[in-house]
Amino acid sequence: MFTYSIQTHIAFGDGATHHLPEHLVAQGFGRRLLLVTDPGLVQAGVAERIADLLTRSGFVPRVFAEVRPNPDEAVCLAGRDAFLEHRADGVVAVGGGSSLDAGKAIALLARQGGTPSDYALGRRPYGPPAPVCAVPTTAGTGSEVTRSAVITEQGTHRKLTLKHEVLRPPLAVCDPALTASLPPDVTAHTGVDALVHAIEGATCKGAHPIARAYAREALGLIYPALPRAVHAGDPAARRDMLLGSLLAGLAFGSTDVASVHCLAEALGSLYDTPHGLANAVMLLPTLRYNQPYAAEAYAWVARAMGLAREEDGDERAAEALLEGLRTWLDDLGIPKLRDLPGAKPSDFDRLATLAYENTSTPSNPRPMDVRDYRAVLELAYAD
């Protein structure tokens, strides 16, 4: 038995942002908008172009550009204050996963009060947020269609996952042209994140047929497209990547992620490692550790990616997945755990505990405790 629902109106295609005002009007957004973004997009002129477009169409935007990678509660509270001071009607979140997640949290706090930890830790019930329009500029997180937002807790640096259907944005405007200026390393890291979403969304314990259908299409797009997007900046490859990321978001957005993400968020908590990079580093060792419990599921992934044939046995196909991913990740220039700034074995106990405490641990296909997570970290570090 499973359930599936999505409330997001999706506008996808080259030049989709040119029609952003029309989509906002059609979806009933008010005129006063908080544009949530990051300093890099301000410097690149993207935030100004979107703000000008909105202004020319009769909207009253205010730019809030304080979002940093791995956004924390302080940023969300500052954004809430900016929303209230502007007397905003809604949020337009422009950027990568950090800006989209922060925008969703800001919209929730502006309408319902409290702090992100109040919701993530069950101290406060979710209620309707201000409407959010998500405009992704990276092909990675799929946050434009998911029901979750990851925010770092003040003081502890723990990753908090806010998760509820009300957090799913009512509008997503996805324009591949906005990803064209991404540097190769960011393209690679965010793209691997999208692949992880498809893999974990389709193989976690809560996976269901609709999620697997989205994931199958995403896997078939992302695996061949990402190297072309990284090495050549091919516009068609970037289009496939943004579509693959969107489909992967639709896959895991109704199921869950699993232990790759649990470990990645632990790395982000302790070292402030960018989320996509952390997922890319932990992908292969985690799948290798899971393989004895997930051969059939990983064989399905291998076939969806074109790494195995239908007639191949599950064990052989699962091994082909791991071998293919190793070559693929090396080609993309993904570093090893030992190469991450600050990473050292003396932190493994802390990292393992943080990963185990993640709410997605029960979704992993292999049962995981602190010792299991430490074993994966040791495997990754020795690789």
Protein backbone atom coordinates (compact mmCIF):
# COMPACT_ATOMS: atom_id res chain seq x y z
CA MET A 1 0.00 0.00 0.00
CA PHE A 2 1.21 3.52 -0.77
CA THR A 3 -0.10 7.04 -1.24
CA TYR A 4 1.06 9.74 -3.63
CA SER A 5 0.15 13.38 -4.05
CA ILE A 6 1.78 16.53 -5.40
CA GLN A 7 0.47 20.08 -5.40
CA THR A 8 3.25 21.73 -7.42
CA HIS A 9 2.48 23.39 -10.75
CA ILE A 10 5.64 22.85 -12.84
CA ALA A 11 6.74 25.10 -15.70
CA PHE A 12 9.80 23.62 -17.43
CA GLY A 13 11.76 24.71 -20.49
CA ASP A 14 14.27 27.07 -22.02
CA GLY A 15 13.26 30.64 -21.22
CA ALA A 16 10.70 29.57 -18.61
CA THR A 17 11.79 32.42 -16.30
CA HIS A 18 10.67 34.96 -18.91
CA HIS A 19 7.11 33.88 -18.11
CA LEU A 20 7.60 33.87 -14.33
CA PRO A 21 5.18 36.78 -13.73
CA GLU A 22 2.46 35.05 -15.72
CA HIS A 23 2.87 31.85 -13.70
CA LEU A 24 2.76 33.78 -10.43
CA VAL A 25 -0.47 35.50 -11.44
CA ALA A 26 -2.03 32.23 -12.62
CA GLN A 27 -1.21 30.55 -9.31
CA GLY A 28 -2.70 33.40 -7.27
CA PHE A 29 0.47 34.89 -5.77
CA GLY A 30 0.15 38.35 -4.25
CA ARG A 31 2.10 41.34 -5.51
CA ARG A 32 4.56 41.78 -2.64
CA LEU A 33 7.27 39.12 -2.85
CA LEU A 34 10.43 38.25 -0.94
CA LEU A 35 13.09 37.05 -3.38
CA VAL A 36 15.25 34.62 -1.39
CA THR A 37 18.66 33.97 -2.93
CA ASP A 38 22.41 33.94 -2.28
CA PRO A 39 25.25 36.46 -2.70
CA GLY A 40 26.68 34.60 -5.70
CA LEU A 41 23.50 35.03 -7.71
CA VAL A 42 23.40 38.70 -6.76
CA GLN A 43 26.98 39.10 -7.99
CA ALA A 44 26.15 37.23 -11.20
CA GLY A 45 23.23 39.58 -11.85
CA VAL A 46 20.61 36.80 -11.80
CA ALA A 47 18.76 38.16 -8.76
CA GLU A 48 18.62 41.66 -10.26
CA ARG A 49 17.29 40.38 -13.59
CA ILE A 50 14.50 38.45 -11.90
CA ALA A 51 13.68 41.34 -9.57
CA ASP A 52 13.51 43.72 -12.54
CA LEU A 53 11.29 41.31 -14.45
CA LEU A 54 8.92 41.14 -11.50
CA THR A 55 8.93 44.92 -11.03
CA ARG A 56 8.13 45.56 -14.70
CA SER A 57 5.16 43.20 -14.34
CA GLY A 58 3.68 45.07 -11.39
CA PHE A 59 5.13 43.04 -8.53
CA VAL A 60 6.94 44.57 -5.56
CA PRO A 61 9.96 42.38 -4.82
CA ARG A 62 12.49 42.71 -2.04
CA VAL A 63 15.76 40.80 -2.41
CA PHE A 64 16.95 38.80 0.61
CA ALA A 65 20.39 37.49 -0.33
CA GLU A 66 21.80 36.18 2.94
CA VAL A 67 21.55 32.47 2.16
CA ARG A 68 24.81 30.53 2.45
CA PRO A 69 25.53 26.84 1.79
CA ASN A 70 23.99 24.65 4.51
CA PRO A 71 21.63 27.44 5.70
CA ASP A 72 21.14 27.68 9.44
CA GLU A 73 18.31 28.81 11.66
CA ALA A 74 19.67 32.36 11.94
CA VAL A 75 19.33 32.86 8.18
CA CYS A 76 15.75 31.57 8.27
CA LEU A 77 14.84 33.88 11.14
CA ALA A 78 16.43 36.86 9.37
CA GLY A 79 14.48 35.96 6.24
CA ARG A 80 11.27 35.72 8.26
CA ASP A 81 11.91 39.21 9.62
CA ALA A 82 12.55 40.54 6.11
CA PHE A 83 9.31 38.90 4.92
CA LEU A 84 7.31 40.55 7.70
CA GLU A 85 8.99 43.94 7.30
CA HIS A 86 8.21 43.88 3.57
CA ARG A 87 4.64 42.78 4.32
CA ALA A 88 5.21 40.12 1.70
CA ASP A 89 2.52 37.90 0.26
CA GLY A 90 4.83 35.12 -0.85
CA VAL A 91 8.36 33.92 -1.51
CA VAL A 92 10.25 33.49 -4.76
CA ALA A 93 13.26 31.31 -3.93
CA VAL A 94 16.01 31.46 -6.58
CA GLY A 95 19.14 29.33 -6.37
CA GLY A 96 20.40 25.91 -5.44
CA GLY A 97 19.03 23.69 -2.71
CA SER A 98 20.18 26.01 0.06
CA SER A 99 18.11 28.93 -1.24
CA LEU A 100 15.09 26.76 -2.01
CA ASP A 101 15.16 25.09 1.42
CA ALA A 102 15.67 28.42 3.17
CA GLY A 103 12.81 29.93 1.17
CA LYS A 104 10.46 27.14 2.25
CA ALA A 105 11.47 27.52 5.90
CA ILE A 106 11.09 31.31 5.76
CA ALA A 107 7.61 30.97 4.28
CA LEU A 108 6.63 28.58 7.09
CA LEU A 109 8.01 30.73 9.91
CA ALA A 110 6.46 33.89 8.48
CA ARG A 111 2.97 32.39 8.66
CA GLN A 112 3.24 29.97 11.60
CA GLY A 113 5.97 31.43 13.86
CA GLY A 114 8.55 29.47 15.83
CA THR A 115 11.96 28.25 14.67
CA PRO A 116 12.96 25.50 12.24
CA SER A 117 13.91 23.20 15.13
CA ASP A 118 10.39 23.57 16.56
CA TYR A 119 9.01 21.80 13.50
CA ALA A 120 11.84 19.35 12.86
CA LEU A 121 11.77 18.15 16.47
CA GLY A 122 7.98 18.00 16.78
CA ARG A 123 7.57 20.87 19.23
CA ARG A 124 5.20 22.75 16.95
CA PRO A 125 2.58 21.50 14.45
CA TYR A 126 2.93 22.40 10.80
CA GLY A 127 0.47 24.83 9.30
CA PRO A 128 0.06 26.49 5.89
CA PRO A 129 3.11 28.56 4.92
CA ALA A 130 3.17 31.58 2.65
CA PRO A 131 3.13 30.46 -0.99
CA VAL A 132 6.55 29.65 -2.46
CA CYS A 133 7.69 29.76 -6.06
CA ALA A 134 10.91 27.77 -6.48
CA VAL A 135 13.31 28.70 -9.30
CA PRO A 136 16.26 26.26 -9.29
CA THR A 137 19.62 27.38 -10.69
CA THR A 138 21.36 24.04 -10.13
CA ALA A 139 20.45 20.57 -11.35
CA GLY A 140 20.71 18.70 -8.10
CA THR A 141 18.43 18.95 -5.12
CA GLY A 142 14.94 18.68 -6.60
CA SER A 143 13.80 20.85 -3.70
CA GLU A 144 11.42 22.66 -6.04
CA VAL A 145 9.04 19.68 -5.82
CA THR A 146 9.79 18.10 -2.45
CA ARG A 147 8.06 18.30 0.91
CA SER A 148 11.24 18.87 2.91
CA ALA A 149 13.84 21.48 3.82
CA VAL A 150 17.18 20.81 5.51
CA ILE A 151 18.30 23.50 7.94
CA THR A 152 21.30 23.52 10.29
CA GLU A 153 20.50 23.86 13.99
CA GLN A 154 22.14 26.75 15.81
CA GLY A 155 24.80 25.74 18.32
CA THR A 156 24.89 22.01 17.61
CA HIS A 157 25.39 22.29 13.81
CA ARG A 158 23.03 19.33 13.51
CA LYS A 159 21.12 18.95 10.25
CA LEU A 160 17.39 19.30 10.85
CA THR A 161 14.91 18.00 8.28
CA LEU A 162 11.60 19.80 8.13
CA LYS A 163 9.20 17.45 6.35
CA HIS A 164 5.52 17.96 5.63
CA GLU A 165 3.25 18.17 2.59
CA VAL A 166 2.62 21.88 3.25
CA LEU A 167 6.28 22.56 2.40
CA ARG A 168 5.88 21.42 -1.21
CA PRO A 169 6.01 24.63 -3.29
CA PRO A 170 2.81 25.39 -5.21
CA LEU A 171 4.89 26.65 -8.16
CA ALA A 172 8.23 25.56 -9.69
CA VAL A 173 9.69 27.41 -12.66
CA CYS A 174 12.59 25.40 -14.12
CA ASP A 175 14.72 27.08 -16.77
CA PRO A 176 17.82 25.14 -17.95
CA ALA A 177 19.44 28.42 -19.03
CA LEU A 178 19.85 29.38 -15.36
CA THR A 179 22.25 26.46 -14.89
CA ALA A 180 24.53 27.44 -17.79
CA SER A 181 26.98 29.49 -15.71
CA LEU A 182 27.62 26.79 -13.10
CA PRO A 183 31.33 25.90 -12.89
CA PRO A 184 32.26 22.29 -13.71
CA ASP A 185 32.87 21.20 -10.10
CA VAL A 186 29.53 22.54 -8.86
CA THR A 187 27.80 20.99 -11.88
CA ALA A 188 29.40 17.64 -11.00
CA HIS A 189 28.61 17.74 -7.28
CA THR A 190 24.99 18.83 -7.64
CA GLY A 191 24.48 16.38 -10.50
CA VAL A 192 25.67 13.43 -8.42
CA ASP A 193 23.28 14.59 -5.69
CA ALA A 194 20.44 14.25 -8.20
CA LEU A 195 21.57 10.73 -9.07
CA VAL A 196 21.63 9.83 -5.36
CA HIS A 197 18.06 11.11 -5.02
CA ALA A 198 16.95 8.82 -7.83
CA ILE A 199 18.80 5.82 -6.45
CA GLU A 200 17.70 6.24 -2.85
CA GLY A 201 14.17 7.31 -3.74
CA ALA A 202 13.72 4.07 -5.69
CA THR A 203 15.55 1.67 -3.34
CA CYS A 204 14.74 2.92 0.17
CA LYS A 205 12.31 0.93 2.28
CA GLY A 206 9.41 3.23 1.43
CA ALA A 207 9.86 3.01 -2.36
CA HIS A 208 6.70 2.50 -4.41
CA PRO A 209 5.87 2.08 -8.13
CA ILE A 210 5.27 5.78 -8.87
CA ALA A 211 8.58 6.78 -7.29
CA ARG A 212 10.38 4.07 -9.24
CA ALA A 213 8.81 5.25 -12.49
CA TYR A 214 10.13 8.78 -11.93
CA ALA A 215 13.49 7.42 -10.79
CA ARG A 216 13.92 5.16 -13.82
CA GLU A 217 13.53 8.13 -16.16
CA ALA A 218 15.83 10.27 -14.01
CA LEU A 219 18.57 7.63 -13.93
CA GLY A 220 18.43 7.23 -17.70
CA LEU A 221 18.87 10.99 -18.15
CA ILE A 222 21.44 11.84 -15.49
CA TYR A 223 24.01 9.08 -16.02
CA PRO A 224 24.89 9.99 -19.64
CA ALA A 225 24.17 13.73 -19.39
CA LEU A 226 26.26 14.75 -16.39
CA PRO A 227 29.72 14.11 -17.91
CA ARG A 228 28.70 16.13 -20.98
CA ALA A 229 27.42 18.96 -18.82
CA VAL A 230 30.62 18.96 -16.75
CA HIS A 231 33.20 18.65 -19.52
CA ALA A 232 31.50 20.56 -22.36
CA GLY A 233 28.69 22.59 -20.81
CA ASP A 234 26.46 21.12 -23.51
CA PRO A 235 23.06 22.95 -23.37
CA ALA A 236 21.17 19.77 -24.22
CA ALA A 237 22.98 17.96 -21.41
CA ARG A 238 22.14 20.76 -18.97
CA ARG A 239 18.50 20.50 -20.02
CA ASP A 240 18.55 16.75 -19.40
CA MET A 241 20.21 17.31 -16.03
CA LEU A 242 17.60 19.79 -14.84
CA LEU A 243 14.82 17.48 -15.99
CA GLY A 244 16.56 14.51 -14.37
CA SER A 245 16.95 16.44 -11.12
CA LEU A 246 13.26 17.38 -11.19
CA LEU A 247 12.19 13.77 -11.79
CA ALA A 248 14.52 12.53 -9.05
CA GLY A 249 12.91 15.07 -6.71
CA LEU A 250 9.49 13.68 -7.62
CA ALA A 251 10.84 10.20 -6.83
CA PHE A 252 12.36 10.71 -3.39
CA GLY A 253 9.97 13.53 -2.51
CA SER A 254 7.22 10.99 -1.79
CA THR A 255 9.43 8.24 -0.32
CA ASP A 256 12.70 9.12 1.42
CA VAL A 257 16.44 9.15 1.06
CA ALA A 258 18.70 6.74 2.93
CA SER A 259 22.16 6.32 4.41
CA VAL A 260 24.13 8.12 1.67
CA HIS A 261 22.26 11.24 2.68
CA CYS A 262 22.55 10.49 6.38
CA LEU A 263 26.33 10.42 6.07
CA ALA A 264 26.40 13.42 3.73
CA GLU A 265 24.43 15.51 6.18
CA ALA A 266 26.77 14.45 8.97
CA LEU A 267 29.73 15.69 6.90
CA GLY A 268 27.88 18.92 6.26
CA SER A 269 27.19 19.33 9.96
CA LEU A 270 30.78 18.80 11.09
CA TYR A 271 32.81 20.20 8.21
CA ASP A 272 30.29 22.43 6.39
CA THR A 273 30.91 20.29 3.31
CA PRO A 274 28.59 21.33 0.44
CA HIS A 275 25.69 18.91 0.31
CA GLY A 276 26.19 17.69 -3.26
CA LEU A 277 29.90 17.07 -2.72
CA ALA A 278 29.23 15.16 0.50
CA ASN A 279 26.72 12.91 -1.27
CA ALA A 280 29.14 12.32 -4.13
CA VAL A 281 31.91 11.30 -1.72
CA MET A 282 29.72 8.89 0.25
CA LEU A 283 27.74 7.35 -2.63
CA LEU A 284 29.97 4.44 -3.64
CA PRO A 285 31.11 3.22 -0.20
CA THR A 286 27.53 3.30 1.11
CA LEU A 287 26.16 1.34 -1.82
CA ARG A 288 29.01 -1.14 -1.48
CA TYR A 289 28.12 -1.64 2.20
CA ASN A 290 24.41 -2.01 1.38
CA GLN A 291 24.91 -4.42 -1.52
CA PRO A 292 24.43 -7.72 0.38
CA TYR A 293 20.98 -6.48 1.43
CA ALA A 294 20.00 -4.69 -1.78
CA ALA A 295 21.30 -6.69 -4.75
CA GLU A 296 17.89 -6.93 -6.44
CA ALA A 297 17.19 -3.20 -6.00
CA TYR A 298 20.65 -2.18 -7.17
CA ALA A 299 20.34 -4.51 -10.16
CA TRP A 300 17.19 -2.58 -11.09
CA VAL A 301 19.18 0.68 -10.85
CA ALA A 302 21.97 -0.75 -13.02
CA ARG A 303 19.49 -1.72 -15.74
CA ALA A 304 17.80 1.70 -15.60
CA MET A 305 21.22 3.33 -16.11
CA GLY A 306 22.16 1.02 -18.96
CA LEU A 307 24.96 -0.65 -16.98
CA ALA A 308 23.40 -4.12 -17.05
CA ARG A 309 21.11 -6.14 -19.31
CA GLU A 310 17.75 -7.58 -18.37
CA GLU A 311 19.17 -11.10 -18.65
CA ASP A 312 22.03 -10.41 -16.21
CA GLY A 313 21.56 -11.92 -12.77
CA ASP A 314 20.99 -9.57 -9.86
CA GLU A 315 24.40 -10.06 -8.27
CA ARG A 316 26.19 -9.45 -11.55
CA ALA A 317 24.04 -6.41 -12.34
CA ALA A 318 24.55 -4.91 -8.88
CA GLU A 319 28.30 -5.34 -9.23
CA ALA A 320 28.12 -3.66 -12.66
CA LEU A 321 26.44 -0.69 -10.98
CA LEU A 322 29.28 -0.29 -8.49
CA GLU A 323 31.95 -0.70 -11.16
CA GLY A 324 30.22 1.75 -13.48
CA LEU A 325 29.77 4.33 -10.75
CA ARG A 326 33.44 4.13 -9.79
CA THR A 327 34.53 4.96 -13.34
CA TRP A 328 31.83 7.65 -13.66
CA LEU A 329 32.75 9.38 -10.38
CA ASP A 330 36.45 9.31 -11.25
CA ASP A 331 35.69 10.89 -14.62
CA LEU A 332 33.74 13.65 -12.86
CA GLY A 333 36.69 14.39 -10.55
CA ILE A 334 34.89 13.46 -7.32
CA PRO A 335 37.39 13.42 -4.43
CA LYS A 336 37.69 10.78 -1.71
CA LEU A 337 36.70 11.23 1.91
CA ARG A 338 40.33 11.58 2.98
CA ASP A 339 40.67 14.56 0.59
CA LEU A 340 37.86 16.63 2.16
CA PRO A 341 39.08 19.61 4.21
CA GLY A 342 39.11 18.67 7.89
CA ALA A 343 38.16 15.03 7.44
CA LYS A 344 40.02 12.74 9.85
CA PRO A 345 39.40 9.32 11.44
CA SER A 346 39.28 10.80 14.94
CA ASP A 347 35.91 12.33 13.96
CA PHE A 348 34.38 9.05 12.80
CA ASP A 349 32.57 8.33 16.07
CA ARG A 350 30.92 11.75 15.99
CA LEU A 351 30.07 11.46 12.30
CA ALA A 352 28.64 7.97 12.78
CA THR A 353 26.45 9.17 15.63
CA LEU A 354 25.17 12.14 13.62
CA ALA A 355 24.38 9.86 10.68
CA TYR A 356 22.60 7.32 12.89
CA GLU A 357 20.44 10.05 14.45
CA ASN A 358 19.27 11.19 11.03
CA THR A 359 15.55 10.56 10.52
CA SER A 360 16.24 8.78 7.21
CA THR A 361 18.33 6.00 8.80
CA PRO A 362 15.30 3.63 9.09
CA SER A 363 14.72 3.97 5.34
CA ASN A 364 18.08 2.45 4.37
CA PRO A 365 17.76 -1.00 2.75
CA ARG A 366 20.33 -2.39 5.21
CA PRO A 367 19.68 -1.94 8.95
CA MET A 368 22.20 0.59 10.24
CA ASP A 369 23.54 1.40 13.69
CA VAL A 370 26.46 3.56 14.79
CA ARG A 371 28.94 0.73 14.18
CA ASP A 372 27.65 0.28 10.63
CA TYR A 373 28.06 3.96 9.88
CA ARG A 374 31.59 3.90 11.25
CA ALA A 375 32.35 0.91 9.03
CA VAL A 376 31.19 2.85 5.95
CA LEU A 377 33.35 5.83 6.94
CA GLU A 378 36.37 3.58 7.36
CA LEU A 379 35.66 1.98 3.98
CA ALA A 380 35.38 5.41 2.35
CA TYR A 381 38.54 6.73 3.99
CA ALA A 382 40.61 3.71 2.96
CA ASP A 383 39.42 3.80 -0.65
